[in-house]
């Protein structure tokens, strides 16, 4: 099912990071947007305990960038930068790694989040 209006948010962690706005929220978050019709997905990772890269987007170094819009936030209508579009296979591998390690997946490339 294509994410055309809303992204999926997943949380994992042993301790709370925030206890407001319908929280508590664990301190590790992975935001996922998938467009199977195009074969692409984008990820956003947040870990309040990571001193080097607290918030990051998936990164695809291949050019030209895919011509696909992937929802970053359904509530604001923002989309990921197109450089964040990675294959669904790579996104799945990153998701599995994140669930196993509770750390930023190392199987894909990341770039610092930019509040575009």
PDB file of N, CA and C in Angstrom:
ATOM      1  N   UNK A   1       0.842  -1.172   0.000  1.00  0.00           N
ATOM      2  CA  UNK A   1       0.000   0.000   0.000  1.00  0.00           C
ATOM      3  C   UNK A   1       0.895   1.245   0.000  1.00  0.00           C
ATOM      4  N   UNK A   2       0.667   2.131  -0.955  1.00  0.00           N
ATOM      5  CA  UNK A   2       1.437   3.369  -1.050  1.00  0.00           C
ATOM      6  C   UNK A   2       1.081   4.324   0.083  1.00  0.00           C
ATOM      7  N   UNK A   3       2.120   4.931   0.637  1.00  0.00           N
ATOM      8  CA  UNK A   3       1.928   6.014   1.605  1.00  0.00           C
ATOM      9  C   UNK A   3       1.790   7.301   0.795  1.00  0.00           C
ATOM     10  N   UNK A   4       0.579   7.678   0.485  1.00  0.00           N
ATOM     11  CA  UNK A   4       0.369   8.880  -0.319  1.00  0.00           C
ATOM     12  C   UNK A   4      -0.059  10.076   0.516  1.00  0.00           C
ATOM     13  N   UNK A   5      -0.525   9.819   1.739  1.00  0.00           N
ATOM     14  CA  UNK A   5      -0.973  10.912   2.594  1.00  0.00           C
ATOM     15  C   UNK A   5      -0.334  10.914   3.976  1.00  0.00           C
ATOM     16  N   UNK A   6       0.072   9.746   4.479  1.00  0.00           N
ATOM     17  CA  UNK A   6       0.633   9.649   5.832  1.00  0.00           C
ATOM     18  C   UNK A   6       1.827   8.715   5.851  1.00  0.00           C
ATOM     19  N   UNK A   7       2.752   9.012   6.718  1.00  0.00           N
ATOM     20  CA  UNK A   7       3.915   8.176   6.969  1.00  0.00           C
ATOM     21  C   UNK A   7       3.595   7.205   8.103  1.00  0.00           C
ATOM     22  N   UNK A   8       4.474   6.248   8.338  1.00  0.00           N
ATOM     23  CA  UNK A   8       4.355   5.334   9.473  1.00  0.00           C
ATOM     24  C   UNK A   8       5.443   5.684  10.478  1.00  0.00           C
ATOM     25  N   UNK A   9       5.073   5.767  11.742  1.00  0.00           N
ATOM     26  CA  UNK A   9       6.034   6.062  12.808  1.00  0.00           C
ATOM     27  C   UNK A   9       6.172   4.827  13.680  1.00  0.00           C
ATOM     28  N   UNK A  10       7.424   4.451  13.983  1.00  0.00           N
ATOM     29  CA  UNK A  10       7.691   3.321  14.870  1.00  0.00           C
ATOM     30  C   UNK A  10       8.628   3.778  15.972  1.00  0.00           C
ATOM     31  N   UNK A  11       8.377   3.278  17.164  1.00  0.00           N
ATOM     32  CA  UNK A  11       9.177   3.654  18.327  1.00  0.00           C
ATOM     33  C   UNK A  11       9.670   2.398  19.022  1.00  0.00           C
ATOM     34  N   UNK A  12      10.903   2.464  19.546  1.00  0.00           N
ATOM     35  CA  UNK A  12      11.432   1.380  20.357  1.00  0.00           C
ATOM     36  C   UNK A  12      12.402   1.993  21.357  1.00  0.00           C
ATOM     37  N   UNK A  13      12.442   1.441  22.547  1.00  0.00           N
ATOM     38  CA  UNK A  13      13.372   1.944  23.545  1.00  0.00           C
ATOM     39  C   UNK A  13      13.042   1.437  24.920  1.00  0.00           C
ATOM     40  N   UNK A  14      14.003   1.539  25.789  1.00  0.00           N
ATOM     41  CA  UNK A  14      13.835   1.099  27.165  1.00  0.00           C
ATOM     42  C   UNK A  14      13.478   2.246  28.095  1.00  0.00           C
ATOM     43  N   UNK A  15      13.676   3.466  27.643  1.00  0.00           N
ATOM     44  CA  UNK A  15      13.374   4.610  28.498  1.00  0.00           C
ATOM     45  C   UNK A  15      12.606   5.656  27.699  1.00  0.00           C
ATOM     46  N   UNK A  16      11.852   6.481  28.413  1.00  0.00           N
ATOM     47  CA  UNK A  16      11.047   7.516  27.774  1.00  0.00           C
ATOM     48  C   UNK A  16      11.917   8.712  27.425  1.00  0.00           C
ATOM     49  N   UNK A  17      11.649   9.288  26.277  1.00  0.00           N
ATOM     50  CA  UNK A  17      12.307  10.539  25.930  1.00  0.00           C
ATOM     51  C   UNK A  17      11.372  11.706  26.213  1.00  0.00           C
ATOM     52  N   UNK A  18      10.089  11.527  25.913  1.00  0.00           N
ATOM     53  CA  UNK A  18       9.137  12.612  26.047  1.00  0.00           C
ATOM     54  C   UNK A  18       7.831  12.057  26.600  1.00  0.00           C
ATOM     55  N   UNK A  19       7.224  12.795  27.493  1.00  0.00           N
ATOM     56  CA  UNK A  19       5.971  12.362  28.106  1.00  0.00           C
ATOM     57  C   UNK A  19       4.902  13.439  27.895  1.00  0.00           C
ATOM     58  N   UNK A  20       4.804  13.937  26.682  1.00  0.00           N
ATOM     59  CA  UNK A  20       3.797  14.939  26.355  1.00  0.00           C
ATOM     60  C   UNK A  20       3.155  14.566  25.029  1.00  0.00           C
ATOM     61  N   UNK A  21       2.118  15.289  24.669  1.00  0.00           N
ATOM     62  CA  UNK A  21       1.401  15.062  23.418  1.00  0.00           C
ATOM     63  C   UNK A  21       1.173  13.575  23.158  1.00  0.00           C
ATOM     64  N   UNK A  22       0.356  12.975  24.012  1.00  0.00           N
ATOM     65  CA  UNK A  22      -0.037  11.575  23.880  1.00  0.00           C
ATOM     66  C   UNK A  22       1.128  10.613  24.087  1.00  0.00           C
ATOM     67  N   UNK A  23       2.151  11.035  24.837  1.00  0.00           N
ATOM     68  CA  UNK A  23       3.315  10.194  25.125  1.00  0.00           C
ATOM     69  C   UNK A  23       3.016   9.242  26.249  1.00  0.00           C
ATOM     70  N   UNK A  24       3.925   8.483  26.765  1.00  0.00           N
ATOM     71  CA  UNK A  24       5.373   8.636  26.576  1.00  0.00           C
ATOM     72  C   UNK A  24       5.834   8.095  25.219  1.00  0.00           C
ATOM     73  N   UNK A  25       6.968   8.615  24.777  1.00  0.00           N
ATOM     74  CA  UNK A  25       7.568   8.156  23.534  1.00  0.00           C
ATOM     75  C   UNK A  25       8.963   7.623  23.834  1.00  0.00           C
ATOM     76  N   UNK A  26       9.276   6.401  23.419  1.00  0.00           N
ATOM     77  CA  UNK A  26      10.644   5.894  23.594  1.00  0.00           C
ATOM     78  C   UNK A  26      11.636   6.774  22.844  1.00  0.00           C
ATOM     79  N   UNK A  27      12.896   6.671  23.219  1.00  0.00           N
ATOM     80  CA  UNK A  27      13.908   7.579  22.692  1.00  0.00           C
ATOM     81  C   UNK A  27      14.473   7.182  21.331  1.00  0.00           C
ATOM     82  N   UNK A  28      13.974   6.131  20.715  1.00  0.00           N
ATOM     83  CA  UNK A  28      14.410   5.729  19.376  1.00  0.00           C
ATOM     84  C   UNK A  28      13.188   5.724  18.466  1.00  0.00           C
ATOM     85  N   UNK A  29      13.276   6.436  17.349  1.00  0.00           N
ATOM     86  CA  UNK A  29      12.137   6.552  16.438  1.00  0.00           C
ATOM     87  C   UNK A  29      12.587   6.305  15.009  1.00  0.00           C
ATOM     88  N   UNK A  30      11.765   5.606  14.252  1.00  0.00           N
ATOM     89  CA  UNK A  30      12.007   5.425  12.827  1.00  0.00           C
ATOM     90  C   UNK A  30      10.728   5.791  12.086  1.00  0.00           C
ATOM     91  N   UNK A  31      10.843   6.752  11.203  1.00  0.00           N
ATOM     92  CA  UNK A  31       9.720   7.204  10.370  1.00  0.00           C
ATOM     93  C   UNK A  31       9.915   6.561   9.001  1.00  0.00           C
ATOM     94  N   UNK A  32       8.852   5.984   8.458  1.00  0.00           N
ATOM     95  CA  UNK A  32       8.933   5.257   7.193  1.00  0.00           C
ATOM     96  C   UNK A  32       7.864   5.768   6.235  1.00  0.00           C
ATOM     97  N   UNK A  33       8.265   5.996   5.008  1.00  0.00           N
ATOM     98  CA  UNK A  33       7.326   6.312   3.942  1.00  0.00           C
ATOM     99  C   UNK A  33       7.653   5.403   2.766  1.00  0.00           C
ATOM    100  N   UNK A  34       6.644   4.724   2.237  1.00  0.00           N
ATOM    101  CA  UNK A  34       6.865   3.723   1.190  1.00  0.00           C
ATOM    102  C   UNK A  34       5.930   3.987   0.012  1.00  0.00           C
ATOM    103  N   UNK A  35       6.473   3.847  -1.190  1.00  0.00           N
ATOM    104  CA  UNK A  35       5.669   3.934  -2.413  1.00  0.00           C
ATOM    105  C   UNK A  35       5.974   2.703  -3.268  1.00  0.00           C
ATOM    106  N   UNK A  36       5.336   1.556  -2.959  1.00  0.00           N
ATOM    107  CA  UNK A  36       5.584   0.336  -3.726  1.00  0.00           C
ATOM    108  C   UNK A  36       5.370   0.507  -5.230  1.00  0.00           C
ATOM    109  N   UNK A  37       4.440   1.349  -5.626  1.00  0.00           N
ATOM    110  CA  UNK A  37       4.188   1.560  -7.051  1.00  0.00           C
ATOM    111  C   UNK A  37       5.434   2.093  -7.766  1.00  0.00           C
ATOM    112  N   UNK A  38       6.306   2.771  -7.020  1.00  0.00           N
ATOM    113  CA  UNK A  38       7.535   3.317  -7.582  1.00  0.00           C
ATOM    114  C   UNK A  38       8.772   2.517  -7.179  1.00  0.00           C
ATOM    115  N   UNK A  39       8.636   1.634  -6.179  1.00  0.00           N
ATOM    116  CA  UNK A  39       9.763   0.829  -5.727  1.00  0.00           C
ATOM    117  C   UNK A  39      10.686   1.527  -4.751  1.00  0.00           C
ATOM    118  N   UNK A  40      10.211   2.623  -4.140  1.00  0.00           N
ATOM    119  CA  UNK A  40      11.072   3.390  -3.247  1.00  0.00           C
ATOM    120  C   UNK A  40      10.451   3.611  -1.876  1.00  0.00           C
ATOM    121  N   UNK A  41      11.329   3.870  -0.917  1.00  0.00           N
ATOM    122  CA  UNK A  41      10.939   4.213   0.449  1.00  0.00           C
ATOM    123  C   UNK A  41      11.936   5.251   0.948  1.00  0.00           C
ATOM    124  N   UNK A  42      11.590   5.919   2.038  1.00  0.00           N
ATOM    125  CA  UNK A  42      12.509   6.852   2.699  1.00  0.00           C
ATOM    126  C   UNK A  42      12.365   6.657   4.197  1.00  0.00           C
ATOM    127  N   UNK A  43      13.474   6.826   4.911  1.00  0.00           N
ATOM    128  CA  UNK A  43      13.497   6.640   6.358  1.00  0.00           C
ATOM    129  C   UNK A  43      14.021   7.894   7.038  1.00  0.00           C
ATOM    130  N   UNK A  44      13.512   8.139   8.228  1.00  0.00           N
ATOM    131  CA  UNK A  44      14.034   9.190   9.091  1.00  0.00           C
ATOM    132  C   UNK A  44      14.273   8.548  10.446  1.00  0.00           C
ATOM    133  N   UNK A  45      15.469   8.724  10.976  1.00  0.00           N
ATOM    134  CA  UNK A  45      15.880   8.092  12.228  1.00  0.00           C
ATOM    135  C   UNK A  45      16.124   9.163  13.279  1.00  0.00           C
ATOM    136  N   UNK A  46      15.651   8.894  14.499  1.00  0.00           N
ATOM    137  CA  UNK A  46      15.917   9.814  15.605  1.00  0.00           C
ATOM    138  C   UNK A  46      16.328   9.010  16.828  1.00  0.00           C
ATOM    139  N   UNK A  47      17.435   9.408  17.427  1.00  0.00           N
ATOM    140  CA  UNK A  47      17.935   8.776  18.645  1.00  0.00           C
ATOM    141  C   UNK A  47      18.524   9.872  19.515  1.00  0.00           C
ATOM    142  N   UNK A  48      17.838  10.206  20.586  1.00  0.00           N
ATOM    143  CA  UNK A  48      18.276  11.290  21.458  1.00  0.00           C
ATOM    144  C   UNK A  48      19.576  10.975  22.190  1.00  0.00           C
ATOM    145  N   UNK A  49      20.021   9.724  22.150  1.00  0.00           N
ATOM    146  CA  UNK A  49      21.264   9.344  22.831  1.00  0.00           C
ATOM    147  C   UNK A  49      22.463   9.301  21.891  1.00  0.00           C
ATOM    148  N   UNK A  50      22.260   9.538  20.599  1.00  0.00           N
ATOM    149  CA  UNK A  50      23.346   9.500  19.618  1.00  0.00           C
ATOM    150  C   UNK A  50      23.978  10.889  19.530  1.00  0.00           C
ATOM    151  N   UNK A  51      25.205  11.065  20.032  1.00  0.00           N
ATOM    152  CA  UNK A  51      25.809  12.398  20.052  1.00  0.00           C
ATOM    153  C   UNK A  51      26.280  12.883  18.680  1.00  0.00           C
ATOM    154  N   UNK A  52      26.378  11.991  17.697  1.00  0.00           N
ATOM    155  CA  UNK A  52      26.925  12.361  16.395  1.00  0.00           C
ATOM    156  C   UNK A  52      25.867  12.665  15.339  1.00  0.00           C
ATOM    157  N   UNK A  53      24.763  11.941  15.380  1.00  0.00           N
ATOM    158  CA  UNK A  53      23.736  12.095  14.354  1.00  0.00           C
ATOM    159  C   UNK A  53      22.382  11.804  14.988  1.00  0.00           C
ATOM    160  N   UNK A  54      21.865  12.787  15.708  1.00  0.00           N
ATOM    161  CA  UNK A  54      20.623  12.608  16.463  1.00  0.00           C
ATOM    162  C   UNK A  54      19.429  12.382  15.547  1.00  0.00           C
ATOM    163  N   UNK A  55      19.345  13.147  14.460  1.00  0.00           N
ATOM    164  CA  UNK A  55      18.243  13.005  13.509  1.00  0.00           C
ATOM    165  C   UNK A  55      18.840  12.920  12.108  1.00  0.00           C
ATOM    166  N   UNK A  56      18.440  11.886  11.347  1.00  0.00           N
ATOM    167  CA  UNK A  56      19.003  11.680  10.016  1.00  0.00           C
ATOM    168  C   UNK A  56      17.964  11.106   9.063  1.00  0.00           C
ATOM    169  N   UNK A  57      18.170  11.383   7.778  1.00  0.00           N
ATOM    170  CA  UNK A  57      17.360  10.797   6.714  1.00  0.00           C
ATOM    171  C   UNK A  57      18.184   9.767   5.963  1.00  0.00           C
ATOM    172  N   UNK A  58      17.514   8.759   5.437  1.00  0.00           N
ATOM    173  CA  UNK A  58      18.178   7.829   4.537  1.00  0.00           C
ATOM    174  C   UNK A  58      18.775   8.636   3.381  1.00  0.00           C
ATOM    175  N   UNK A  59      19.803   8.064   2.742  1.00  0.00           N
ATOM    176  CA  UNK A  59      20.478   8.795   1.671  1.00  0.00           C
ATOM    177  C   UNK A  59      20.794   7.855   0.522  1.00  0.00           C
ATOM    178  N   UNK A  60      20.451   8.290  -0.674  1.00  0.00           N
ATOM    179  CA  UNK A  60      20.730   7.539  -1.886  1.00  0.00           C
ATOM    180  C   UNK A  60      21.710   8.355  -2.723  1.00  0.00           C
ATOM    181  N   UNK A  61      22.967   7.867  -2.870  1.00  0.00           N
ATOM    182  CA  UNK A  61      23.966   8.638  -3.611  1.00  0.00           C
ATOM    183  C   UNK A  61      23.827   8.531  -5.132  1.00  0.00           C
ATOM    184  N   UNK A  62      22.951   7.668  -5.617  1.00  0.00           N
ATOM    185  CA  UNK A  62      22.807   7.444  -7.057  1.00  0.00           C
ATOM    186  C   UNK A  62      22.102   8.636  -7.709  1.00  0.00           C
ATOM    187  N   UNK A  63      22.658   9.075  -8.845  1.00  0.00           N
ATOM    188  CA  UNK A  63      22.067  10.172  -9.606  1.00  0.00           C
ATOM    189  C   UNK A  63      21.687   9.664 -10.981  1.00  0.00           C
ATOM    190  N   UNK A  64      20.630  10.161 -11.578  1.00  0.00           N
ATOM    191  CA  UNK A  64      19.747  11.187 -11.050  1.00  0.00           C
ATOM    192  C   UNK A  64      18.903  10.650  -9.902  1.00  0.00           C
ATOM    193  N   UNK A  65      18.418  11.554  -9.065  1.00  0.00           N
ATOM    194  CA  UNK A  65      17.589  11.143  -7.930  1.00  0.00           C
ATOM    195  C   UNK A  65      16.246  10.645  -8.449  1.00  0.00           C
ATOM    196  N   UNK A  66      15.619   9.713  -7.726  1.00  0.00           N
ATOM    197  CA  UNK A  66      14.313   9.197  -8.156  1.00  0.00           C
ATOM    198  C   UNK A  66      13.258  10.301  -8.209  1.00  0.00           C
ATOM    199  N   UNK A  67      12.414  10.233  -9.201  1.00  0.00           N
ATOM    200  CA  UNK A  67      11.341  11.216  -9.372  1.00  0.00           C
ATOM    201  C   UNK A  67      10.100  10.729  -8.632  1.00  0.00           C
ATOM    202  N   UNK A  68      10.172  10.762  -7.301  1.00  0.00           N
ATOM    203  CA  UNK A  68       9.066  10.291  -6.472  1.00  0.00           C
ATOM    204  C   UNK A  68       9.003  11.138  -5.206  1.00  0.00           C
ATOM    205  N   UNK A  69       7.790  11.499  -4.813  1.00  0.00           N
ATOM    206  CA  UNK A  69       7.592  12.220  -3.558  1.00  0.00           C
ATOM    207  C   UNK A  69       7.203  11.223  -2.480  1.00  0.00           C
ATOM    208  N   UNK A  70       7.937  11.239  -1.381  1.00  0.00           N
ATOM    209  CA  UNK A  70       7.678  10.356  -0.244  1.00  0.00           C
ATOM    210  C   UNK A  70       7.301  11.222   0.951  1.00  0.00           C
ATOM    211  N   UNK A  71       6.141  10.954   1.514  1.00  0.00           N
ATOM    212  CA  UNK A  71       5.593  11.762   2.604  1.00  0.00           C
ATOM    213  C   UNK A  71       6.514  11.722   3.822  1.00  0.00           C
ATOM    214  N   UNK A  72       6.909  12.896   4.304  1.00  0.00           N
ATOM    215  CA  UNK A  72       7.643  12.989   5.564  1.00  0.00           C
ATOM    216  C   UNK A  72       6.664  13.185   6.711  1.00  0.00           C
ATOM    217  N   UNK A  73       5.715  14.080   6.534  1.00  0.00           N
ATOM    218  CA  UNK A  73       4.720  14.343   7.570  1.00  0.00           C
ATOM    219  C   UNK A  73       3.362  14.590   6.927  1.00  0.00           C
ATOM    220  N   UNK A  74       2.450  13.680   7.175  1.00  0.00           N
ATOM    221  CA  UNK A  74       1.107  13.849   6.655  1.00  0.00           C
ATOM    222  C   UNK A  74       0.392  15.032   7.259  1.00  0.00           C
ATOM    223  N   UNK A  75       0.744  15.382   8.490  1.00  0.00           N
ATOM    224  CA  UNK A  75       0.055  16.498   9.146  1.00  0.00           C
ATOM    225  C   UNK A  75       0.458  17.849   8.564  1.00  0.00           C
ATOM    226  N   UNK A  76       1.671  17.946   8.010  1.00  0.00           N
ATOM    227  CA  UNK A  76       2.117  19.214   7.423  1.00  0.00           C
ATOM    228  C   UNK A  76       2.201  19.161   5.901  1.00  0.00           C
ATOM    229  N   UNK A  77       2.151  17.963   5.341  1.00  0.00           N
ATOM    230  CA  UNK A  77       2.254  17.812   3.893  1.00  0.00           C
ATOM    231  C   UNK A  77       3.673  17.844   3.367  1.00  0.00           C
ATOM    232  N   UNK A  78       4.667  17.850   4.249  1.00  0.00           N
ATOM    233  CA  UNK A  78       6.056  17.878   3.788  1.00  0.00           C
ATOM    234  C   UNK A  78       6.465  16.508   3.260  1.00  0.00           C
ATOM    235  N   UNK A  79       7.406  16.537   2.335  1.00  0.00           N
ATOM    236  CA  UNK A  79       7.935  15.306   1.752  1.00  0.00           C
ATOM    237  C   UNK A  79       9.433  15.222   2.042  1.00  0.00           C
ATOM    238  N   UNK A  80       9.959  14.005   1.972  1.00  0.00           N
ATOM    239  CA  UNK A  80      11.398  13.802   2.113  1.00  0.00           C
ATOM    240  C   UNK A  80      12.112  14.448   0.923  1.00  0.00           C
ATOM    241  N   UNK A  81      13.371  14.858   1.113  1.00  0.00           N
ATOM    242  CA  UNK A  81      14.149  15.250  -0.065  1.00  0.00           C
ATOM    243  C   UNK A  81      14.300  14.016  -0.958  1.00  0.00           C
ATOM    244  N   UNK A  82      14.339  14.202  -2.238  1.00  0.00           N
ATOM    245  CA  UNK A  82      14.399  13.043  -3.149  1.00  0.00           C
ATOM    246  C   UNK A  82      15.672  12.232  -2.974  1.00  0.00           C
ATOM    247  N   UNK A  83      16.706  12.828  -2.419  1.00  0.00           N
ATOM    248  CA  UNK A  83      17.934  12.075  -2.147  1.00  0.00           C
ATOM    249  C   UNK A  83      17.733  11.045  -1.041  1.00  0.00           C
ATOM    250  N   UNK A  84      16.616  11.117  -0.315  1.00  0.00           N
ATOM    251  CA  UNK A  84      16.331  10.148   0.754  1.00  0.00           C
ATOM    252  C   UNK A  84      15.685   8.877   0.220  1.00  0.00           C
ATOM    253  N   UNK A  85      15.272   8.866  -1.041  1.00  0.00           N
ATOM    254  CA  UNK A  85      14.583   7.709  -1.619  1.00  0.00           C
ATOM    255  C   UNK A  85      15.559   6.559  -1.853  1.00  0.00           C
ATOM    256  N   UNK A  86      15.303   5.436  -1.180  1.00  0.00           N
ATOM    257  CA  UNK A  86      16.116   4.227  -1.327  1.00  0.00           C
ATOM    258  C   UNK A  86      15.195   3.090  -1.757  1.00  0.00           C
ATOM    259  N   UNK A  87      15.781   1.988  -2.202  1.00  0.00           N
ATOM    260  CA  UNK A  87      14.950   0.860  -2.625  1.00  0.00           C
ATOM    261  C   UNK A  87      14.179   0.301  -1.431  1.00  0.00           C
ATOM    262  N   UNK A  88      13.034  -0.273  -1.709  1.00  0.00           N
ATOM    263  CA  UNK A  88      12.239  -0.888  -0.644  1.00  0.00           C
ATOM    264  C   UNK A  88      13.011  -2.029   0.004  1.00  0.00           C
ATOM    265  N   UNK A  89      13.788  -2.757  -0.772  1.00  0.00           N
ATOM    266  CA  UNK A  89      14.605  -3.848  -0.223  1.00  0.00           C
ATOM    267  C   UNK A  89      15.594  -3.298   0.800  1.00  0.00           C
ATOM    268  N   UNK A  90      16.262  -2.193   0.463  1.00  0.00           N
ATOM    269  CA  UNK A  90      17.212  -1.584   1.405  1.00  0.00           C
ATOM    270  C   UNK A  90      16.498  -1.037   2.641  1.00  0.00           C
ATOM    271  N   UNK A  91      15.313  -0.452   2.440  1.00  0.00           N
ATOM    272  CA  UNK A  91      14.547   0.070   3.580  1.00  0.00           C
ATOM    273  C   UNK A  91      14.137  -1.057   4.514  1.00  0.00           C
ATOM    274  N   UNK A  92      13.732  -2.183   3.956  1.00  0.00           N
ATOM    275  CA  UNK A  92      13.353  -3.332   4.784  1.00  0.00           C
ATOM    276  C   UNK A  92      14.553  -3.834   5.578  1.00  0.00           C
ATOM    277  N   UNK A  93      15.708  -3.932   4.934  1.00  0.00           N
ATOM    278  CA  UNK A  93      16.924  -4.365   5.637  1.00  0.00           C
ATOM    279  C   UNK A  93      17.245  -3.422   6.789  1.00  0.00           C
ATOM    280  N   UNK A  94      17.108  -2.124   6.548  1.00  0.00           N
ATOM    281  CA  UNK A  94      17.375  -1.138   7.602  1.00  0.00           C
ATOM    282  C   UNK A  94      16.374  -1.275   8.742  1.00  0.00           C
ATOM    283  N   UNK A  95      15.117  -1.497   8.424  1.00  0.00           N
ATOM    284  CA  UNK A  95      14.091  -1.672   9.454  1.00  0.00           C
ATOM    285  C   UNK A  95      14.383  -2.893  10.317  1.00  0.00           C
ATOM    286  N   UNK A  96      14.731  -4.003   9.695  1.00  0.00           N
ATOM    287  CA  UNK A  96      15.046  -5.219  10.451  1.00  0.00           C
ATOM    288  C   UNK A  96      16.259  -4.982  11.342  1.00  0.00           C
ATOM    289  N   UNK A  97      17.295  -4.336  10.803  1.00  0.00           N
ATOM    290  CA  UNK A  97      18.486  -4.046  11.610  1.00  0.00           C
ATOM    291  C   UNK A  97      18.136  -3.153  12.793  1.00  0.00           C
ATOM    292  N   UNK A  98      17.307  -2.135  12.564  1.00  0.00           N
ATOM    293  CA  UNK A  98      16.907  -1.228  13.643  1.00  0.00           C
ATOM    294  C   UNK A  98      16.150  -1.972  14.733  1.00  0.00           C
ATOM    295  N   UNK A  99      15.249  -2.856  14.346  1.00  0.00           N
ATOM    296  CA  UNK A  99      14.496  -3.623  15.341  1.00  0.00           C
ATOM    297  C   UNK A  99      15.397  -4.551  16.148  1.00  0.00           C
ATOM    298  N   UNK A 100      16.439  -5.068  15.517  1.00  0.00           N
ATOM    299  CA  UNK A 100      17.354  -5.986  16.197  1.00  0.00           C
ATOM    300  C   UNK A 100      18.341  -5.256  17.109  1.00  0.00           C
ATOM    301  N   UNK A 101      18.792  -4.078  16.700  1.00  0.00           N
ATOM    302  CA  UNK A 101      19.878  -3.405  17.425  1.00  0.00           C
ATOM    303  C   UNK A 101      19.443  -2.183  18.227  1.00  0.00           C
ATOM    304  N   UNK A 102      18.311  -1.600  17.870  1.00  0.00           N
ATOM    305  CA  UNK A 102      17.851  -0.342  18.464  1.00  0.00           C
ATOM    306  C   UNK A 102      18.852   0.788  18.227  1.00  0.00           C
ATOM    307  N   UNK A 103      19.586   0.694  17.157  1.00  0.00           N
ATOM    308  CA  UNK A 103      20.580   1.707  16.768  1.00  0.00           C
ATOM    309  C   UNK A 103      20.333   2.107  15.315  1.00  0.00           C
ATOM    310  N   UNK A 104      20.926   3.230  14.909  1.00  0.00           N
ATOM    311  CA  UNK A 104      20.820   3.656  13.517  1.00  0.00           C
ATOM    312  C   UNK A 104      21.384   2.562  12.621  1.00  0.00           C
ATOM    313  N   UNK A 105      20.607   2.070  11.678  1.00  0.00           N
ATOM    314  CA  UNK A 105      21.083   0.986  10.815  1.00  0.00           C
ATOM    315  C   UNK A 105      22.322   1.393  10.021  1.00  0.00           C
ATOM    316  N   UNK A 106      23.263   0.478   9.932  1.00  0.00           N
ATOM    317  CA  UNK A 106      24.501   0.749   9.209  1.00  0.00           C
ATOM    318  C   UNK A 106      24.475   0.187   7.791  1.00  0.00           C
ATOM    319  N   UNK A 107      23.395  -0.496   7.418  1.00  0.00           N
ATOM    320  CA  UNK A 107      23.324  -1.122   6.097  1.00  0.00           C
ATOM    321  C   UNK A 107      22.946  -0.137   4.990  1.00  0.00           C
ATOM    322  N   UNK A 108      22.560   1.086   5.355  1.00  0.00           N
ATOM    323  CA  UNK A 108      22.270   2.126   4.369  1.00  0.00           C
ATOM    324  C   UNK A 108      23.037   3.384   4.750  1.00  0.00           C
ATOM    325  N   UNK A 109      23.082   4.337   3.823  1.00  0.00           N
ATOM    326  CA  UNK A 109      23.734   5.616   4.104  1.00  0.00           C
ATOM    327  C   UNK A 109      22.722   6.588   4.700  1.00  0.00           C
ATOM    328  N   UNK A 110      23.236   7.534   5.494  1.00  0.00           N
ATOM    329  CA  UNK A 110      22.403   8.538   6.166  1.00  0.00           C
ATOM    330  C   UNK A 110      22.978   9.917   5.932  1.00  0.00           C
ATOM    331  N   UNK A 111      22.119  10.918   5.991  1.00  0.00           N
ATOM    332  CA  UNK A 111      22.526  12.313   5.951  1.00  0.00           C
ATOM    333  C   UNK A 111      21.815  13.031   7.085  1.00  0.00           C
ATOM    334  N   UNK A 112      22.469  14.042   7.684  1.00  0.00           N
ATOM    335  CA  UNK A 112      21.809  14.786   8.760  1.00  0.00           C
ATOM    336  C   UNK A 112      20.470  15.345   8.292  1.00  0.00           C
ATOM    337  N   UNK A 113      19.516  15.304   9.185  1.00  0.00           N
ATOM    338  CA  UNK A 113      18.192  15.864   8.907  1.00  0.00           C
ATOM    339  C   UNK A 113      18.307  17.354   8.688  1.00  0.00           C
ATOM    340  N   UNK A 114      17.619  17.848   7.703  1.00  0.00           N
ATOM    341  CA  UNK A 114      17.583  19.274   7.401  1.00  0.00           C
ATOM    342  C   UNK A 114      16.122  19.693   7.456  1.00  0.00           C
ATOM    343  N   UNK A 115      15.806  20.662   8.269  1.00  0.00           N
ATOM    344  CA  UNK A 115      14.412  21.086   8.443  1.00  0.00           C
ATOM    345  C   UNK A 115      13.920  21.838   7.219  1.00  0.00           C
ATOM    346  N   UNK A 116      14.035  21.199   6.081  1.00  0.00           N
ATOM    347  CA  UNK A 116      13.627  21.785   4.808  1.00  0.00           C
ATOM    348  C   UNK A 116      12.216  22.210   4.926  1.00  0.00           C
TER     349      UNK A 116
END
